[in-house]
Amino acid sequence: MLKRFLLAAALCFSILLGGGGCMRADTARNNRQNINDVALNHLERKYGGKFEYNSPWGNSMSGTRSFLVTCDSLPEKQILVQIENFQNDDFEIRDNYLAVKYELETIDYLSSIANQVFGEAIVFYDLAFQTLSADLNATASFHEYLADTRVPLHIMFEVKLSGFSSKDQALLLADLIASNGSYFRISLVVVSDDIYGSHDSVSLEKLMAQDGFEHCAKIDRLDGNIEIRWLGEE
């Protein structure tokens, strides 16, 4: 009798343990599913206003969950959100809100620098879909945003030949853009005056690939140092 009682008690105890394990697993699974809501709430606290989930971005196999959101303060724009280590308690939430917010201001800023150096230039600015540093303050100024080196600026400048007088202009351009601490990847494309202004970013890249330029330089600042490489010239 006692053995049957002990056996029944042990069975009940194991069932309770099993049930508890399932509950913990379900809770963990729900927490992972709700991590998107955690990120949305974080954005609302950080920037103010309502943020809404829009669509997934990439995959989570690397341990980082990525998705796109929208918000009232930047209508018709999509903002990238990434949750690094989203399956663990020490996850980190990053976004590119400030890059989207300052996109037009960035283009105007780059145009003013290029015009200063070459007299006239066309800017093709590619807003990189990468998240900024997590500790970048929500109220960061434009120049504070430019100083965040996590994501380099991706830029193409089209310059007419009559505005190009020296290769020193390329270094001056880089120095001025780097004055805020920015990291960048720049393509400087000098073309004949008669075809200047006839390109979009795609056709200008094609022109570069076909060596259809007068001069072309790749200018990088990815580690604090400026590196300039002139294409088609040995």
C-alpha atoms as a PDB file:
ATOM      1  CA  MET A   1       0.000   0.000   0.000  1.00  0.00           C
ATOM      2  CA  LEU A   2       2.774   2.355   1.013  1.00  0.00           C
ATOM      3  CA  LYS A   3       4.711   1.536  -2.155  1.00  0.00           C
ATOM      4  CA  ARG A   4       1.686   2.293  -4.310  1.00  0.00           C
ATOM      5  CA  PHE A   5       1.238   5.617  -2.502  1.00  0.00           C
ATOM      6  CA  LEU A   6       4.873   6.574  -2.944  1.00  0.00           C
ATOM      7  CA  LEU A   7       4.740   5.574  -6.616  1.00  0.00           C
ATOM      8  CA  ALA A   8       1.630   7.656  -7.185  1.00  0.00           C
ATOM      9  CA  ALA A   9       3.179  10.597  -5.364  1.00  0.00           C
ATOM     10  CA  ALA A  10       6.352  10.353  -7.455  1.00  0.00           C
ATOM     11  CA  LEU A  11       4.269  10.201 -10.629  1.00  0.00           C
ATOM     12  CA  CYS A  12       2.298  13.287  -9.661  1.00  0.00           C
ATOM     13  CA  PHE A  13       5.491  15.105  -8.755  1.00  0.00           C
ATOM     14  CA  SER A  14       7.055  14.279 -12.141  1.00  0.00           C
ATOM     15  CA  ILE A  15       3.903  15.470 -13.926  1.00  0.00           C
ATOM     16  CA  LEU A  16       4.014  18.719 -11.996  1.00  0.00           C
ATOM     17  CA  LEU A  17       7.651  19.144 -12.894  1.00  0.00           C
ATOM     18  CA  GLY A  18       6.919  18.419 -16.521  1.00  0.00           C
ATOM     19  CA  GLY A  19       4.035  20.870 -16.532  1.00  0.00           C
ATOM     20  CA  GLY A  20       6.172  23.513 -14.900  1.00  0.00           C
ATOM     21  CA  GLY A  21       8.843  23.006 -17.541  1.00  0.00           C
ATOM     22  CA  CYS A  22       6.282  23.419 -20.290  1.00  0.00           C
ATOM     23  CA  MET A  23       5.035  26.589 -18.682  1.00  0.00           C
ATOM     24  CA  ARG A  24       8.533  27.970 -18.482  1.00  0.00           C
ATOM     25  CA  ALA A  25       9.165  27.039 -22.120  1.00  0.00           C
ATOM     26  CA  ASP A  26       5.881  28.635 -23.164  1.00  0.00           C
ATOM     27  CA  THR A  27       6.747  31.766 -21.211  1.00  0.00           C
ATOM     28  CA  ALA A  28      10.176  31.972 -22.814  1.00  0.00           C
ATOM     29  CA  ARG A  29       8.661  31.394 -26.252  1.00  0.00           C
ATOM     30  CA  ASN A  30       6.072  34.120 -25.650  1.00  0.00           C
ATOM     31  CA  ASN A  31       8.801  36.457 -24.437  1.00  0.00           C
ATOM     32  CA  ARG A  32      10.701  35.898 -27.676  1.00  0.00           C
ATOM     33  CA  GLN A  33       7.559  36.492 -29.690  1.00  0.00           C
ATOM     34  CA  ASN A  34       6.843  39.700 -27.766  1.00  0.00           C
ATOM     35  CA  ILE A  35      10.364  41.073 -28.153  1.00  0.00           C
ATOM     36  CA  ASN A  36       9.063  43.106 -31.098  1.00  0.00           C
ATOM     37  CA  ASP A  37       6.649  44.835 -28.729  1.00  0.00           C
ATOM     38  CA  VAL A  38       9.501  45.449 -26.299  1.00  0.00           C
ATOM     39  CA  ALA A  39      11.434  47.157 -29.086  1.00  0.00           C
ATOM     40  CA  LEU A  40       8.426  49.243 -30.151  1.00  0.00           C
ATOM     41  CA  ASN A  41       7.857  50.392 -26.575  1.00  0.00           C
ATOM     42  CA  HIS A  42      11.540  51.252 -26.317  1.00  0.00           C
ATOM     43  CA  LEU A  43      11.339  53.414 -29.457  1.00  0.00           C
ATOM     44  CA  GLU A  44       8.243  55.194 -28.162  1.00  0.00           C
ATOM     45  CA  ARG A  45       9.958  55.986 -24.870  1.00  0.00           C
ATOM     46  CA  LYS A  46      13.152  57.084 -26.608  1.00  0.00           C
ATOM     47  CA  TYR A  47      11.750  59.222 -29.424  1.00  0.00           C
ATOM     48  CA  GLY A  48       8.151  59.842 -28.417  1.00  0.00           C
ATOM     49  CA  GLY A  49       5.111  59.174 -30.585  1.00  0.00           C
ATOM     50  CA  LYS A  50       3.663  55.941 -31.858  1.00  0.00           C
ATOM     51  CA  PHE A  51       5.746  53.304 -33.662  1.00  0.00           C
ATOM     52  CA  GLU A  52       4.135  50.458 -35.595  1.00  0.00           C
ATOM     53  CA  TYR A  53       5.557  47.213 -36.932  1.00  0.00           C
ATOM     54  CA  ASN A  54       5.651  47.214 -40.738  1.00  0.00           C
ATOM     55  CA  SER A  55       7.484  44.161 -42.066  1.00  0.00           C
ATOM     56  CA  PRO A  56      10.384  41.772 -41.329  1.00  0.00           C
ATOM     57  CA  TRP A  57      13.864  42.504 -42.601  1.00  0.00           C
ATOM     58  CA  GLY A  58      16.460  39.838 -43.247  1.00  0.00           C
ATOM     59  CA  ASN A  59      16.484  36.774 -41.010  1.00  0.00           C
ATOM     60  CA  SER A  60      17.157  35.990 -37.370  1.00  0.00           C
ATOM     61  CA  MET A  61      19.582  33.115 -37.871  1.00  0.00           C
ATOM     62  CA  SER A  62      22.508  35.280 -36.751  1.00  0.00           C
ATOM     63  CA  GLY A  63      20.848  35.952 -33.392  1.00  0.00           C
ATOM     64  CA  THR A  64      19.744  39.435 -34.416  1.00  0.00           C
ATOM     65  CA  ARG A  65      16.103  40.122 -35.144  1.00  0.00           C
ATOM     66  CA  SER A  66      15.544  42.859 -37.736  1.00  0.00           C
ATOM     67  CA  PHE A  67      12.329  44.493 -38.893  1.00  0.00           C
ATOM     68  CA  LEU A  68      10.974  47.736 -40.323  1.00  0.00           C
ATOM     69  CA  VAL A  69       8.686  50.143 -38.486  1.00  0.00           C
ATOM     70  CA  THR A  70       6.829  53.337 -39.266  1.00  0.00           C
ATOM     71  CA  CYS A  71       6.058  56.324 -37.064  1.00  0.00           C
ATOM     72  CA  ASP A  72       3.984  59.496 -37.174  1.00  0.00           C
ATOM     73  CA  SER A  73       6.980  61.818 -36.875  1.00  0.00           C
ATOM     74  CA  LEU A  74       8.523  60.523 -40.143  1.00  0.00           C
ATOM     75  CA  PRO A  75       5.533  59.798 -42.377  1.00  0.00           C
ATOM     76  CA  GLU A  76       6.044  57.530 -45.405  1.00  0.00           C
ATOM     77  CA  LYS A  77       9.489  56.531 -44.107  1.00  0.00           C
ATOM     78  CA  GLN A  78      10.592  53.112 -42.912  1.00  0.00           C
ATOM     79  CA  ILE A  79      12.938  52.741 -39.975  1.00  0.00           C
ATOM     80  CA  LEU A  80      15.157  49.729 -39.407  1.00  0.00           C
ATOM     81  CA  VAL A  81      15.139  48.158 -35.948  1.00  0.00           C
ATOM     82  CA  GLN A  82      17.512  45.433 -34.806  1.00  0.00           C
ATOM     83  CA  ILE A  83      17.462  43.437 -31.586  1.00  0.00           C
ATOM     84  CA  GLU A  84      20.834  41.829 -31.014  1.00  0.00           C
ATOM     85  CA  ASN A  85      20.834  38.627 -28.893  1.00  0.00           C
ATOM     86  CA  PHE A  86      17.042  38.762 -28.922  1.00  0.00           C
ATOM     87  CA  GLN A  87      16.778  35.285 -27.398  1.00  0.00           C
ATOM     88  CA  ASN A  88      18.747  36.286 -24.311  1.00  0.00           C
ATOM     89  CA  ASP A  89      18.187  38.668 -21.425  1.00  0.00           C
ATOM     90  CA  ASP A  90      21.126  40.879 -22.436  1.00  0.00           C
ATOM     91  CA  PHE A  91      19.603  41.888 -25.772  1.00  0.00           C
ATOM     92  CA  GLU A  92      20.386  45.300 -27.279  1.00  0.00           C
ATOM     93  CA  ILE A  93      18.006  47.401 -29.376  1.00  0.00           C
ATOM     94  CA  ARG A  94      19.358  49.607 -32.156  1.00  0.00           C
ATOM     95  CA  ASP A  95      17.707  51.619 -34.933  1.00  0.00           C
ATOM     96  CA  ASN A  96      18.455  54.073 -37.749  1.00  0.00           C
ATOM     97  CA  TYR A  97      15.818  56.656 -36.807  1.00  0.00           C
ATOM     98  CA  LEU A  98      18.273  59.583 -36.799  1.00  0.00           C
ATOM     99  CA  ALA A  99      19.725  58.586 -40.175  1.00  0.00           C
ATOM    100  CA  VAL A 100      16.228  58.696 -41.659  1.00  0.00           C
ATOM    101  CA  LYS A 101      15.390  61.914 -39.811  1.00  0.00           C
ATOM    102  CA  TYR A 102      18.521  63.669 -41.091  1.00  0.00           C
ATOM    103  CA  GLU A 103      18.545  62.201 -44.618  1.00  0.00           C
ATOM    104  CA  LEU A 104      17.651  65.405 -46.481  1.00  0.00           C
ATOM    105  CA  GLU A 105      19.860  67.504 -44.228  1.00  0.00           C
ATOM    106  CA  THR A 106      22.741  65.116 -44.975  1.00  0.00           C
ATOM    107  CA  ILE A 107      22.253  65.546 -48.733  1.00  0.00           C
ATOM    108  CA  ASP A 108      22.178  69.355 -48.387  1.00  0.00           C
ATOM    109  CA  TYR A 109      25.294  69.271 -46.213  1.00  0.00           C
ATOM    110  CA  LEU A 110      27.223  67.107 -48.674  1.00  0.00           C
ATOM    111  CA  SER A 111      26.092  69.267 -51.587  1.00  0.00           C
ATOM    112  CA  SER A 112      27.322  72.431 -49.890  1.00  0.00           C
ATOM    113  CA  ILE A 113      30.749  70.882 -49.316  1.00  0.00           C
ATOM    114  CA  ALA A 114      31.022  69.585 -52.892  1.00  0.00           C
ATOM    115  CA  ASN A 115      29.941  72.944 -54.307  1.00  0.00           C
ATOM    116  CA  GLN A 116      32.540  74.635 -52.131  1.00  0.00           C
ATOM    117  CA  VAL A 117      35.297  72.402 -53.520  1.00  0.00           C
ATOM    118  CA  PHE A 118      34.244  72.061 -57.175  1.00  0.00           C
ATOM    119  CA  GLY A 119      31.926  75.012 -57.736  1.00  0.00           C
ATOM    120  CA  GLU A 120      29.154  72.605 -58.711  1.00  0.00           C
ATOM    121  CA  ALA A 121      28.506  68.909 -58.128  1.00  0.00           C
ATOM    122  CA  ILE A 122      25.694  66.374 -58.029  1.00  0.00           C
ATOM    123  CA  VAL A 123      25.313  64.228 -54.924  1.00  0.00           C
ATOM    124  CA  PHE A 124      23.958  60.688 -54.861  1.00  0.00           C
ATOM    125  CA  TYR A 125      23.547  59.706 -51.235  1.00  0.00           C
ATOM    126  CA  ASP A 126      22.651  56.129 -50.353  1.00  0.00           C
ATOM    127  CA  LEU A 127      20.986  55.896 -46.944  1.00  0.00           C
ATOM    128  CA  ALA A 128      22.554  52.708 -45.604  1.00  0.00           C
ATOM    129  CA  PHE A 129      20.046  50.338 -44.025  1.00  0.00           C
ATOM    130  CA  GLN A 130      22.192  49.716 -40.966  1.00  0.00           C
ATOM    131  CA  THR A 131      21.477  50.627 -37.369  1.00  0.00           C
ATOM    132  CA  LEU A 132      23.327  53.342 -35.507  1.00  0.00           C
ATOM    133  CA  SER A 133      25.013  53.038 -32.126  1.00  0.00           C
ATOM    134  CA  ALA A 134      22.572  52.118 -29.366  1.00  0.00           C
ATOM    135  CA  ASP A 135      23.885  54.858 -27.073  1.00  0.00           C
ATOM    136  CA  LEU A 136      23.324  57.661 -29.602  1.00  0.00           C
ATOM    137  CA  ASN A 137      20.973  60.030 -27.815  1.00  0.00           C
ATOM    138  CA  ALA A 138      17.477  60.566 -29.209  1.00  0.00           C
ATOM    139  CA  THR A 139      18.055  64.337 -29.151  1.00  0.00           C
ATOM    140  CA  ALA A 140      21.423  64.097 -30.901  1.00  0.00           C
ATOM    141  CA  SER A 141      22.104  67.038 -33.176  1.00  0.00           C
ATOM    142  CA  PHE A 142      22.823  66.636 -36.864  1.00  0.00           C
ATOM    143  CA  HIS A 143      26.551  66.951 -36.301  1.00  0.00           C
ATOM    144  CA  GLU A 144      26.443  64.497 -33.406  1.00  0.00           C
ATOM    145  CA  TYR A 145      24.699  62.049 -35.720  1.00  0.00           C
ATOM    146  CA  LEU A 146      27.415  62.552 -38.353  1.00  0.00           C
ATOM    147  CA  ALA A 147      30.053  61.715 -35.736  1.00  0.00           C
ATOM    148  CA  ASP A 148      28.575  58.251 -35.109  1.00  0.00           C
ATOM    149  CA  THR A 149      31.076  55.984 -36.830  1.00  0.00           C
ATOM    150  CA  ARG A 150      29.081  52.749 -36.660  1.00  0.00           C
ATOM    151  CA  VAL A 151      27.644  53.324 -40.151  1.00  0.00           C
ATOM    152  CA  PRO A 152      29.825  54.991 -42.819  1.00  0.00           C
ATOM    153  CA  LEU A 153      28.172  57.449 -45.209  1.00  0.00           C
ATOM    154  CA  HIS A 154      27.829  56.067 -48.748  1.00  0.00           C
ATOM    155  CA  ILE A 155      28.153  58.853 -51.320  1.00  0.00           C
ATOM    156  CA  MET A 156      28.776  59.396 -55.044  1.00  0.00           C
ATOM    157  CA  PHE A 157      29.753  62.808 -56.346  1.00  0.00           C
ATOM    158  CA  GLU A 158      29.438  63.648 -60.030  1.00  0.00           C
ATOM    159  CA  VAL A 159      31.711  66.536 -61.022  1.00  0.00           C
ATOM    160  CA  LYS A 160      32.166  68.190 -64.407  1.00  0.00           C
ATOM    161  CA  LEU A 161      35.658  68.283 -65.874  1.00  0.00           C
ATOM    162  CA  SER A 162      35.730  72.084 -66.005  1.00  0.00           C
ATOM    163  CA  GLY A 163      35.312  72.159 -62.213  1.00  0.00           C
ATOM    164  CA  PHE A 164      38.170  69.739 -61.599  1.00  0.00           C
ATOM    165  CA  SER A 165      41.583  71.388 -61.411  1.00  0.00           C
ATOM    166  CA  SER A 166      43.650  69.147 -59.156  1.00  0.00           C
ATOM    167  CA  LYS A 167      43.620  65.827 -57.340  1.00  0.00           C
ATOM    168  CA  ASP A 168      44.125  67.869 -54.185  1.00  0.00           C
ATOM    169  CA  GLN A 169      40.409  68.672 -54.418  1.00  0.00           C
ATOM    170  CA  ALA A 170      39.627  65.058 -53.587  1.00  0.00           C
ATOM    171  CA  LEU A 171      41.577  65.291 -50.340  1.00  0.00           C
ATOM    172  CA  LEU A 172      39.967  68.631 -49.504  1.00  0.00           C
ATOM    173  CA  LEU A 173      36.536  67.101 -50.063  1.00  0.00           C
ATOM    174  CA  ALA A 174      37.389  64.198 -47.761  1.00  0.00           C
ATOM    175  CA  ASP A 175      38.869  66.452 -45.083  1.00  0.00           C
ATOM    176  CA  LEU A 176      35.772  68.640 -44.978  1.00  0.00           C
ATOM    177  CA  ILE A 177      33.403  65.670 -44.678  1.00  0.00           C
ATOM    178  CA  ALA A 178      35.643  64.108 -42.035  1.00  0.00           C
ATOM    179  CA  SER A 179      35.653  67.307 -39.970  1.00  0.00           C
ATOM    180  CA  ASN A 180      32.667  66.047 -37.972  1.00  0.00           C
ATOM    181  CA  GLY A 181      34.313  62.697 -37.352  1.00  0.00           C
ATOM    182  CA  SER A 182      32.294  60.903 -40.020  1.00  0.00           C
ATOM    183  CA  TYR A 183      33.352  57.624 -41.569  1.00  0.00           C
ATOM    184  CA  PHE A 184      32.500  57.298 -45.254  1.00  0.00           C
ATOM    185  CA  ARG A 185      32.841  55.498 -48.576  1.00  0.00           C
ATOM    186  CA  ILE A 186      32.950  57.978 -51.466  1.00  0.00           C
ATOM    187  CA  SER A 187      33.046  57.607 -55.232  1.00  0.00           C
ATOM    188  CA  LEU A 188      34.214  60.801 -56.919  1.00  0.00           C
ATOM    189  CA  VAL A 189      33.411  60.697 -60.635  1.00  0.00           C
ATOM    190  CA  VAL A 190      34.634  63.450 -62.951  1.00  0.00           C
ATOM    191  CA  VAL A 191      32.915  63.461 -66.343  1.00  0.00           C
ATOM    192  CA  SER A 192      33.067  65.596 -69.462  1.00  0.00           C
ATOM    193  CA  ASP A 193      30.943  68.727 -69.334  1.00  0.00           C
ATOM    194  CA  ASP A 194      28.689  67.567 -72.175  1.00  0.00           C
ATOM    195  CA  ILE A 195      27.402  64.501 -70.275  1.00  0.00           C
ATOM    196  CA  TYR A 196      27.395  66.051 -66.799  1.00  0.00           C
ATOM    197  CA  GLY A 197      23.963  65.904 -65.196  1.00  0.00           C
ATOM    198  CA  SER A 198      22.645  63.174 -67.471  1.00  0.00           C
ATOM    199  CA  HIS A 199      23.080  60.304 -65.023  1.00  0.00           C
ATOM    200  CA  ASP A 200      21.259  58.702 -62.155  1.00  0.00           C
ATOM    201  CA  SER A 201      23.144  56.659 -59.574  1.00  0.00           C
ATOM    202  CA  VAL A 202      22.779  53.422 -61.550  1.00  0.00           C
ATOM    203  CA  SER A 203      24.031  54.809 -64.860  1.00  0.00           C
ATOM    204  CA  LEU A 204      26.874  56.601 -63.095  1.00  0.00           C
ATOM    205  CA  GLU A 205      28.007  53.326 -61.521  1.00  0.00           C
ATOM    206  CA  LYS A 206      27.814  51.712 -64.952  1.00  0.00           C
ATOM    207  CA  LEU A 207      29.937  54.538 -66.359  1.00  0.00           C
ATOM    208  CA  MET A 208      32.508  53.866 -63.655  1.00  0.00           C
ATOM    209  CA  ALA A 209      32.560  50.146 -64.465  1.00  0.00           C
ATOM    210  CA  GLN A 210      33.135  50.928 -68.152  1.00  0.00           C
ATOM    211  CA  ASP A 211      35.880  53.502 -67.460  1.00  0.00           C
ATOM    212  CA  GLY A 212      33.757  56.178 -69.086  1.00  0.00           C
ATOM    213  CA  PHE A 213      35.008  58.897 -66.741  1.00  0.00           C
ATOM    214  CA  GLU A 214      37.670  61.558 -67.032  1.00  0.00           C
ATOM    215  CA  HIS A 215      38.898  60.929 -63.493  1.00  0.00           C
ATOM    216  CA  CYS A 216      37.535  58.695 -60.751  1.00  0.00           C
ATOM    217  CA  ALA A 217      38.583  58.229 -57.148  1.00  0.00           C
ATOM    218  CA  LYS A 218      37.495  55.913 -54.355  1.00  0.00           C
ATOM    219  CA  ILE A 219      37.823  57.747 -51.060  1.00  0.00           C
ATOM    220  CA  ASP A 220      37.380  55.844 -47.796  1.00  0.00           C
ATOM    221  CA  ARG A 221      37.544  56.767 -44.158  1.00  0.00           C
ATOM    222  CA  LEU A 222      36.677  53.632 -42.213  1.00  0.00           C
ATOM    223  CA  ASP A 223      39.230  53.639 -39.406  1.00  0.00           C
ATOM    224  CA  GLY A 224      40.091  57.272 -38.863  1.00  0.00           C
ATOM    225  CA  ASN A 225      42.463  57.482 -41.830  1.00  0.00           C
ATOM    226  CA  ILE A 226      41.572  58.845 -45.267  1.00  0.00           C
ATOM    227  CA  GLU A 227      42.537  56.589 -48.168  1.00  0.00           C
ATOM    228  CA  ILE A 228      42.269  57.739 -51.798  1.00  0.00           C
ATOM    229  CA  ARG A 229      42.610  55.423 -54.779  1.00  0.00           C
ATOM    230  CA  TRP A 230      42.412  56.744 -58.344  1.00  0.00           C
ATOM    231  CA  LEU A 231      40.858  54.289 -60.768  1.00  0.00           C
ATOM    232  CA  GLY A 232      42.343  53.598 -64.178  1.00  0.00           C
ATOM    233  CA  GLU A 233      45.660  55.062 -63.153  1.00  0.00           C
ATOM    234  CA  GLU A 234      48.698  53.020 -62.260  1.00  0.00           C
END
